[in-house]
C-alpha cells in the first residue's frame, strides 16, 4: 500500500468505530441501577505521559466535586463517584435519557507502579489528574 492508500484511512476509521462501540457498550450496558451500590457506567478518559508525569483526563460533566473520589490502588488509579439526575419537579415526565447517571467507576491500570497524585482539578466537566513518577 502507498502512503496515501485509502485502505489505510478506512482501516483507521473502522478501528475508531470499534473502539467507540466498545466504550458505549461499557457505559450503557453494564448491569446496575441508579441506586445500586455497584458502578453502572465508566467515564471516557485520555492518558498522556511525559518523562516525569502521567496525566489523566476523565470526562465527568455534571459531577459535583463532593460526589467524586480519586484513589491510588497499587498500580491502578481509581476514579469513582456519582452523577445525580438534575432536580426536576415531581410531575416531570422523562421522555429520553442518553447521558448516564448513577454510580460510576473507572479503574486505570498503569505500568509504572510508583506514582503519586501531584495535582487534581475538576473544571469544565473534566477531571484532570497529574501523577508524578517517583524513582
N, C-alpha and C. Protein backbone atom coordinates (compact mmCIF):
# COMPACT_ATOMS: atom_id res chain seq x y z
N UNK A 1 0.84 -1.19 0.00
CA UNK A 1 0.00 0.00 0.00
C UNK A 1 0.88 1.24 0.00
N UNK A 2 0.44 2.27 -0.70
CA UNK A 2 1.19 3.52 -0.75
C UNK A 2 0.84 4.38 0.45
N UNK A 3 1.60 5.48 0.61
CA UNK A 3 1.39 6.37 1.76
C UNK A 3 0.00 7.00 1.76
N UNK A 4 -0.60 7.15 0.62
CA UNK A 4 -1.92 7.78 0.53
C UNK A 4 -3.00 6.78 0.14
N UNK A 5 -2.80 5.56 0.46
CA UNK A 5 -3.74 4.50 0.13
C UNK A 5 -5.02 4.67 0.94
N UNK A 6 -6.19 4.74 0.30
CA UNK A 6 -7.45 4.92 1.05
C UNK A 6 -7.75 3.76 1.98
N UNK A 7 -7.15 2.60 1.75
CA UNK A 7 -7.38 1.47 2.66
C UNK A 7 -6.83 1.76 4.05
N UNK A 8 -5.74 2.53 4.16
CA UNK A 8 -5.21 2.93 5.47
C UNK A 8 -6.24 3.75 6.22
N UNK A 9 -6.81 4.73 5.54
CA UNK A 9 -7.81 5.59 6.16
C UNK A 9 -9.03 4.78 6.58
N UNK A 10 -9.48 3.88 5.70
CA UNK A 10 -10.66 3.07 6.02
C UNK A 10 -10.38 2.16 7.22
N UNK A 11 -9.19 1.57 7.29
CA UNK A 11 -8.84 0.72 8.43
C UNK A 11 -8.84 1.53 9.72
N UNK A 12 -8.24 2.71 9.70
CA UNK A 12 -8.22 3.57 10.88
C UNK A 12 -9.62 3.96 11.31
N UNK A 13 -10.47 4.27 10.36
CA UNK A 13 -11.86 4.61 10.68
C UNK A 13 -12.60 3.42 11.29
N UNK A 14 -12.38 2.23 10.74
CA UNK A 14 -13.03 1.02 11.28
C UNK A 14 -12.57 0.77 12.71
N UNK A 15 -11.27 0.92 12.99
CA UNK A 15 -10.76 0.71 14.35
C UNK A 15 -11.35 1.74 15.31
N UNK A 16 -11.46 2.98 14.87
CA UNK A 16 -12.03 4.03 15.71
C UNK A 16 -13.50 3.75 16.01
N UNK A 17 -14.24 3.29 15.02
CA UNK A 17 -15.65 2.94 15.23
C UNK A 17 -15.80 1.78 16.20
N UNK A 18 -14.93 0.79 16.10
CA UNK A 18 -15.00 -0.34 17.03
C UNK A 18 -14.69 0.10 18.45
N UNK A 19 -13.73 0.99 18.63
CA UNK A 19 -13.40 1.49 19.97
C UNK A 19 -14.57 2.29 20.54
N UNK A 20 -15.20 3.13 19.72
CA UNK A 20 -16.37 3.89 20.20
C UNK A 20 -17.50 2.96 20.59
N UNK A 21 -17.73 1.91 19.80
CA UNK A 21 -18.79 0.95 20.12
C UNK A 21 -18.48 0.23 21.43
N UNK A 22 -17.24 -0.14 21.65
CA UNK A 22 -16.86 -0.81 22.91
C UNK A 22 -17.05 0.13 24.09
N UNK A 23 -16.67 1.40 23.93
CA UNK A 23 -16.83 2.39 25.01
C UNK A 23 -18.31 2.60 25.33
N UNK A 24 -19.13 2.71 24.31
CA UNK A 24 -20.57 2.88 24.54
C UNK A 24 -21.15 1.66 25.23
N UNK A 25 -20.70 0.48 24.83
CA UNK A 25 -21.18 -0.74 25.47
C UNK A 25 -20.83 -0.73 26.95
N UNK A 26 -19.59 -0.35 27.30
CA UNK A 26 -19.18 -0.28 28.70
C UNK A 26 -20.03 0.74 29.46
N UNK A 27 -20.34 1.87 28.83
CA UNK A 27 -21.08 2.94 29.51
C UNK A 27 -22.55 2.61 29.71
N UNK A 28 -23.19 2.00 28.73
CA UNK A 28 -24.64 1.90 28.76
C UNK A 28 -25.19 0.51 29.06
N UNK A 29 -24.41 -0.52 28.88
CA UNK A 29 -24.96 -1.85 29.02
C UNK A 29 -24.39 -2.65 30.18
N UNK A 30 -23.71 -1.99 31.09
CA UNK A 30 -23.27 -2.69 32.29
C UNK A 30 -24.45 -2.79 33.24
N UNK A 31 -24.56 -3.90 33.95
CA UNK A 31 -25.65 -4.00 34.91
C UNK A 31 -25.46 -3.02 36.04
N UNK A 32 -26.57 -2.57 36.59
CA UNK A 32 -26.51 -1.65 37.73
C UNK A 32 -27.64 -0.65 37.64
N UNK A 33 -28.32 -0.44 38.73
CA UNK A 33 -29.38 0.55 38.79
C UNK A 33 -28.83 1.84 39.33
N UNK A 34 -29.59 2.93 39.19
CA UNK A 34 -29.12 4.22 39.67
C UNK A 34 -28.88 4.22 41.17
N UNK A 35 -29.66 3.48 41.92
CA UNK A 35 -29.50 3.47 43.36
C UNK A 35 -28.62 2.32 43.84
N UNK A 36 -28.15 1.48 42.93
CA UNK A 36 -27.34 0.33 43.32
C UNK A 36 -25.95 0.79 43.74
N UNK A 37 -25.34 0.09 44.69
CA UNK A 37 -24.00 0.49 45.14
C UNK A 37 -22.90 0.16 44.13
N UNK A 38 -23.16 -0.73 43.19
CA UNK A 38 -22.15 -1.07 42.19
C UNK A 38 -22.17 -0.05 41.06
N UNK A 39 -21.01 0.24 40.46
CA UNK A 39 -20.98 1.22 39.38
C UNK A 39 -21.78 0.77 38.17
N UNK A 40 -22.43 1.71 37.50
CA UNK A 40 -23.23 1.39 36.34
C UNK A 40 -22.63 1.88 35.03
N UNK A 41 -21.61 2.73 35.10
CA UNK A 41 -21.01 3.23 33.87
C UNK A 41 -19.57 3.66 34.14
N UNK A 42 -18.80 3.85 33.06
CA UNK A 42 -17.41 4.27 33.13
C UNK A 42 -17.22 5.55 32.33
N UNK A 43 -16.57 6.56 32.92
CA UNK A 43 -16.32 7.77 32.13
C UNK A 43 -15.19 7.53 31.12
N UNK A 44 -15.26 8.17 29.96
CA UNK A 44 -14.17 8.08 28.98
C UNK A 44 -12.96 8.86 29.49
N UNK A 45 -11.76 8.41 29.12
CA UNK A 45 -10.53 9.04 29.59
C UNK A 45 -9.54 9.22 28.46
N UNK A 46 -8.59 10.13 28.68
CA UNK A 46 -7.40 10.29 27.84
C UNK A 46 -6.21 10.19 28.79
N UNK A 47 -5.10 9.60 28.33
CA UNK A 47 -3.90 9.47 29.14
C UNK A 47 -2.71 10.00 28.32
N UNK A 48 -1.91 10.87 28.98
CA UNK A 48 -0.72 11.44 28.37
C UNK A 48 0.46 11.20 29.31
N UNK A 49 1.63 10.94 28.75
CA UNK A 49 2.80 10.67 29.59
C UNK A 49 3.99 11.49 29.12
N UNK A 50 4.72 12.04 30.10
CA UNK A 50 6.00 12.70 29.84
C UNK A 50 7.06 11.93 30.62
N UNK A 51 8.28 12.42 30.59
CA UNK A 51 9.36 11.75 31.33
C UNK A 51 9.12 11.78 32.83
N UNK A 52 8.40 12.81 33.34
CA UNK A 52 8.22 12.96 34.78
C UNK A 52 6.80 12.75 35.29
N UNK A 53 5.81 12.81 34.40
CA UNK A 53 4.41 12.75 34.86
C UNK A 53 3.55 11.88 33.95
N UNK A 54 2.41 11.49 34.49
CA UNK A 54 1.33 10.88 33.73
C UNK A 54 0.11 11.75 34.00
N UNK A 55 -0.57 12.18 32.94
CA UNK A 55 -1.76 13.00 33.09
C UNK A 55 -2.96 12.23 32.57
N UNK A 56 -4.02 12.22 33.38
CA UNK A 56 -5.26 11.54 33.01
C UNK A 56 -6.36 12.59 32.99
N UNK A 57 -7.14 12.60 31.92
CA UNK A 57 -8.30 13.48 31.82
C UNK A 57 -9.53 12.60 31.68
N UNK A 58 -10.49 12.76 32.59
CA UNK A 58 -11.73 11.98 32.57
C UNK A 58 -12.90 12.93 32.31
N UNK A 59 -13.78 12.57 31.40
CA UNK A 59 -14.97 13.37 31.09
C UNK A 59 -16.04 13.08 32.14
N UNK A 60 -16.34 14.08 32.97
CA UNK A 60 -17.31 13.92 34.05
C UNK A 60 -18.27 15.11 34.12
N UNK A 61 -18.92 15.47 33.02
CA UNK A 61 -19.83 16.61 33.07
C UNK A 61 -20.98 16.36 34.05
N UNK A 62 -21.30 17.36 34.83
CA UNK A 62 -22.41 17.25 35.77
C UNK A 62 -22.08 16.56 37.07
N UNK A 63 -20.82 16.18 37.29
CA UNK A 63 -20.43 15.54 38.55
C UNK A 63 -19.90 16.62 39.49
N UNK A 64 -20.49 16.69 40.68
CA UNK A 64 -20.07 17.67 41.69
C UNK A 64 -18.81 17.18 42.39
N UNK A 65 -17.93 18.09 42.80
CA UNK A 65 -16.69 17.68 43.47
C UNK A 65 -16.93 16.79 44.69
N UNK A 66 -17.98 17.05 45.45
CA UNK A 66 -18.25 16.24 46.64
C UNK A 66 -18.73 14.83 46.30
N UNK A 67 -19.09 14.58 45.04
CA UNK A 67 -19.54 13.26 44.61
C UNK A 67 -18.45 12.49 43.85
N UNK A 68 -17.20 12.91 44.01
CA UNK A 68 -16.09 12.35 43.25
C UNK A 68 -14.99 11.86 44.19
N UNK A 69 -14.42 10.69 43.87
CA UNK A 69 -13.30 10.14 44.63
C UNK A 69 -12.20 9.72 43.67
N UNK A 70 -10.95 9.96 44.07
CA UNK A 70 -9.79 9.50 43.32
C UNK A 70 -8.92 8.75 44.30
N UNK A 71 -8.49 7.55 43.88
CA UNK A 71 -7.70 6.70 44.77
C UNK A 71 -6.58 6.05 43.97
N UNK A 72 -5.39 5.97 44.57
CA UNK A 72 -4.29 5.19 44.00
C UNK A 72 -4.30 3.85 44.71
N UNK A 73 -4.46 2.78 43.94
CA UNK A 73 -4.57 1.44 44.49
C UNK A 73 -3.50 0.56 43.84
N UNK A 74 -2.31 0.54 44.43
CA UNK A 74 -1.20 -0.19 43.81
C UNK A 74 -0.83 0.49 42.51
N UNK A 75 -0.87 -0.25 41.41
CA UNK A 75 -0.58 0.30 40.09
C UNK A 75 -1.81 0.84 39.38
N UNK A 76 -2.93 0.93 40.09
CA UNK A 76 -4.19 1.41 39.48
C UNK A 76 -4.54 2.80 40.00
N UNK A 77 -5.15 3.58 39.12
CA UNK A 77 -5.81 4.82 39.52
C UNK A 77 -7.30 4.54 39.42
N UNK A 78 -8.04 4.82 40.50
CA UNK A 78 -9.47 4.55 40.52
C UNK A 78 -10.21 5.87 40.65
N UNK A 79 -11.04 6.17 39.66
CA UNK A 79 -11.90 7.35 39.67
C UNK A 79 -13.32 6.84 39.86
N UNK A 80 -13.99 7.28 40.91
CA UNK A 80 -15.35 6.80 41.16
C UNK A 80 -16.19 7.92 41.72
N UNK A 81 -17.51 7.71 41.69
CA UNK A 81 -18.41 8.72 42.23
C UNK A 81 -19.83 8.52 41.76
N UNK A 82 -20.53 9.63 41.71
CA UNK A 82 -21.96 9.61 41.42
C UNK A 82 -22.34 10.82 40.58
N UNK A 83 -23.05 10.58 39.48
CA UNK A 83 -23.66 11.68 38.72
C UNK A 83 -25.15 11.61 39.02
N UNK A 84 -25.65 12.67 39.63
CA UNK A 84 -27.04 12.72 40.06
C UNK A 84 -27.93 13.25 38.94
N UNK A 85 -29.16 12.76 38.91
CA UNK A 85 -30.15 13.33 38.00
C UNK A 85 -30.39 14.78 38.40
N UNK A 86 -30.65 15.65 37.45
CA UNK A 86 -30.96 17.03 37.83
C UNK A 86 -32.24 17.10 38.65
N UNK A 87 -32.32 18.11 39.50
CA UNK A 87 -33.54 18.31 40.30
C UNK A 87 -34.67 18.71 39.37
N UNK A 88 -35.70 17.90 39.33
CA UNK A 88 -36.85 18.14 38.45
C UNK A 88 -38.12 18.17 39.29
N UNK A 89 -39.11 18.95 38.86
CA UNK A 89 -40.39 18.91 39.57
C UNK A 89 -40.96 17.50 39.56
N UNK A 90 -41.69 17.15 40.60
CA UNK A 90 -42.22 15.80 40.77
C UNK A 90 -43.06 15.33 39.58
N UNK A 91 -43.78 16.23 38.95
CA UNK A 91 -44.68 15.85 37.86
C UNK A 91 -43.98 15.77 36.49
N UNK A 92 -42.65 15.90 36.47
CA UNK A 92 -41.90 15.87 35.22
C UNK A 92 -41.91 14.46 34.61
N UNK A 93 -42.21 14.40 33.33
CA UNK A 93 -42.13 13.13 32.59
C UNK A 93 -40.80 13.10 31.85
N UNK A 94 -40.05 12.03 32.02
CA UNK A 94 -38.78 11.88 31.32
C UNK A 94 -39.05 11.13 30.03
N UNK A 95 -38.74 11.76 28.91
CA UNK A 95 -39.00 11.16 27.61
C UNK A 95 -37.80 10.42 27.04
N UNK A 96 -36.60 10.85 27.41
CA UNK A 96 -35.41 10.26 26.79
C UNK A 96 -34.21 10.53 27.69
N UNK A 97 -33.41 9.50 27.96
CA UNK A 97 -32.16 9.65 28.72
C UNK A 97 -31.04 8.95 27.96
N UNK A 98 -30.02 9.68 27.56
CA UNK A 98 -28.83 9.09 26.95
C UNK A 98 -27.61 9.30 27.83
N UNK A 99 -27.60 10.36 28.61
CA UNK A 99 -26.47 10.64 29.49
C UNK A 99 -26.54 9.68 30.67
N UNK A 100 -25.45 8.95 30.96
CA UNK A 100 -25.51 8.01 32.08
C UNK A 100 -25.53 8.74 33.42
N UNK A 101 -26.36 8.27 34.33
CA UNK A 101 -26.46 8.80 35.68
C UNK A 101 -26.24 7.66 36.65
N UNK A 102 -26.00 8.00 37.88
CA UNK A 102 -25.80 6.99 38.91
C UNK A 102 -24.32 6.81 39.22
N UNK A 103 -24.01 5.69 39.86
CA UNK A 103 -22.63 5.41 40.29
C UNK A 103 -21.75 5.08 39.08
N UNK A 104 -20.52 5.56 39.14
CA UNK A 104 -19.56 5.25 38.10
C UNK A 104 -18.22 4.88 38.73
N UNK A 105 -17.44 4.16 37.96
CA UNK A 105 -16.07 3.85 38.39
C UNK A 105 -15.24 3.57 37.16
N UNK A 106 -14.04 4.11 37.16
CA UNK A 106 -13.07 3.81 36.09
C UNK A 106 -11.76 3.44 36.76
N UNK A 107 -11.32 2.23 36.53
CA UNK A 107 -10.05 1.72 37.08
C UNK A 107 -9.05 1.73 35.93
N UNK A 108 -7.94 2.45 36.13
CA UNK A 108 -6.94 2.61 35.08
C UNK A 108 -5.65 1.96 35.56
N UNK A 109 -5.26 0.90 34.89
CA UNK A 109 -4.02 0.20 35.25
C UNK A 109 -2.87 0.86 34.50
N UNK A 110 -1.89 1.31 35.26
CA UNK A 110 -0.71 1.94 34.67
C UNK A 110 0.50 1.04 34.91
N UNK A 111 1.38 0.97 33.92
CA UNK A 111 2.53 0.07 34.01
C UNK A 111 3.55 0.52 35.04
N UNK A 112 3.64 1.82 35.27
CA UNK A 112 4.59 2.31 36.25
C UNK A 112 3.91 2.32 37.62
N UNK A 113 4.45 1.57 38.57
CA UNK A 113 3.78 1.37 39.86
C UNK A 113 4.04 2.50 40.85
N UNK A 114 5.12 3.27 40.69
CA UNK A 114 5.47 4.29 41.68
C UNK A 114 5.00 5.66 41.22
N UNK A 115 3.74 5.96 41.50
CA UNK A 115 3.15 7.24 41.13
C UNK A 115 2.53 7.87 42.37
N UNK A 116 2.52 9.19 42.41
CA UNK A 116 1.80 9.89 43.47
C UNK A 116 1.02 11.03 42.84
N UNK A 117 -0.15 11.30 43.42
CA UNK A 117 -1.02 12.33 42.89
C UNK A 117 -0.41 13.70 43.19
N UNK A 118 -0.02 14.42 42.16
CA UNK A 118 0.61 15.73 42.31
C UNK A 118 -0.40 16.86 42.18
N UNK A 119 -1.45 16.66 41.37
CA UNK A 119 -2.43 17.73 41.13
C UNK A 119 -3.74 17.10 40.68
N UNK A 120 -4.84 17.67 41.14
CA UNK A 120 -6.17 17.23 40.75
C UNK A 120 -7.05 18.45 40.57
N UNK A 121 -7.78 18.50 39.44
CA UNK A 121 -8.65 19.64 39.17
C UNK A 121 -9.89 19.18 38.42
N UNK A 122 -11.06 19.62 38.90
CA UNK A 122 -12.32 19.36 38.22
C UNK A 122 -12.81 20.69 37.67
N UNK A 123 -12.77 20.84 36.35
CA UNK A 123 -13.17 22.10 35.71
C UNK A 123 -13.78 21.81 34.35
N UNK A 124 -14.82 22.55 34.02
CA UNK A 124 -15.48 22.45 32.71
C UNK A 124 -15.88 21.02 32.38
N UNK A 125 -16.31 20.25 33.39
CA UNK A 125 -16.79 18.91 33.16
C UNK A 125 -15.71 17.86 32.98
N UNK A 126 -14.45 18.24 33.20
CA UNK A 126 -13.35 17.28 33.06
C UNK A 126 -12.52 17.25 34.33
N UNK A 127 -12.17 16.05 34.75
CA UNK A 127 -11.27 15.85 35.86
C UNK A 127 -9.88 15.66 35.27
N UNK A 128 -8.93 16.47 35.72
CA UNK A 128 -7.54 16.34 35.28
C UNK A 128 -6.71 15.90 36.48
N UNK A 129 -6.01 14.79 36.32
CA UNK A 129 -5.12 14.27 37.35
C UNK A 129 -3.71 14.30 36.81
N UNK A 130 -2.79 14.87 37.59
CA UNK A 130 -1.38 14.82 37.22
C UNK A 130 -0.68 13.95 38.26
N UNK A 131 -0.07 12.87 37.81
CA UNK A 131 0.61 11.92 38.67
C UNK A 131 2.11 12.05 38.44
N UNK A 132 2.85 12.25 39.52
CA UNK A 132 4.31 12.36 39.43
C UNK A 132 4.92 10.98 39.51
N UNK A 133 5.91 10.73 38.68
CA UNK A 133 6.63 9.46 38.72
C UNK A 133 7.69 9.55 39.82
N UNK A 134 7.68 8.58 40.72
CA UNK A 134 8.69 8.51 41.77
C UNK A 134 9.73 7.47 41.37
N UNK A 135 10.98 7.74 41.73
CA UNK A 135 12.02 6.78 41.36
C UNK A 135 12.29 5.80 42.48
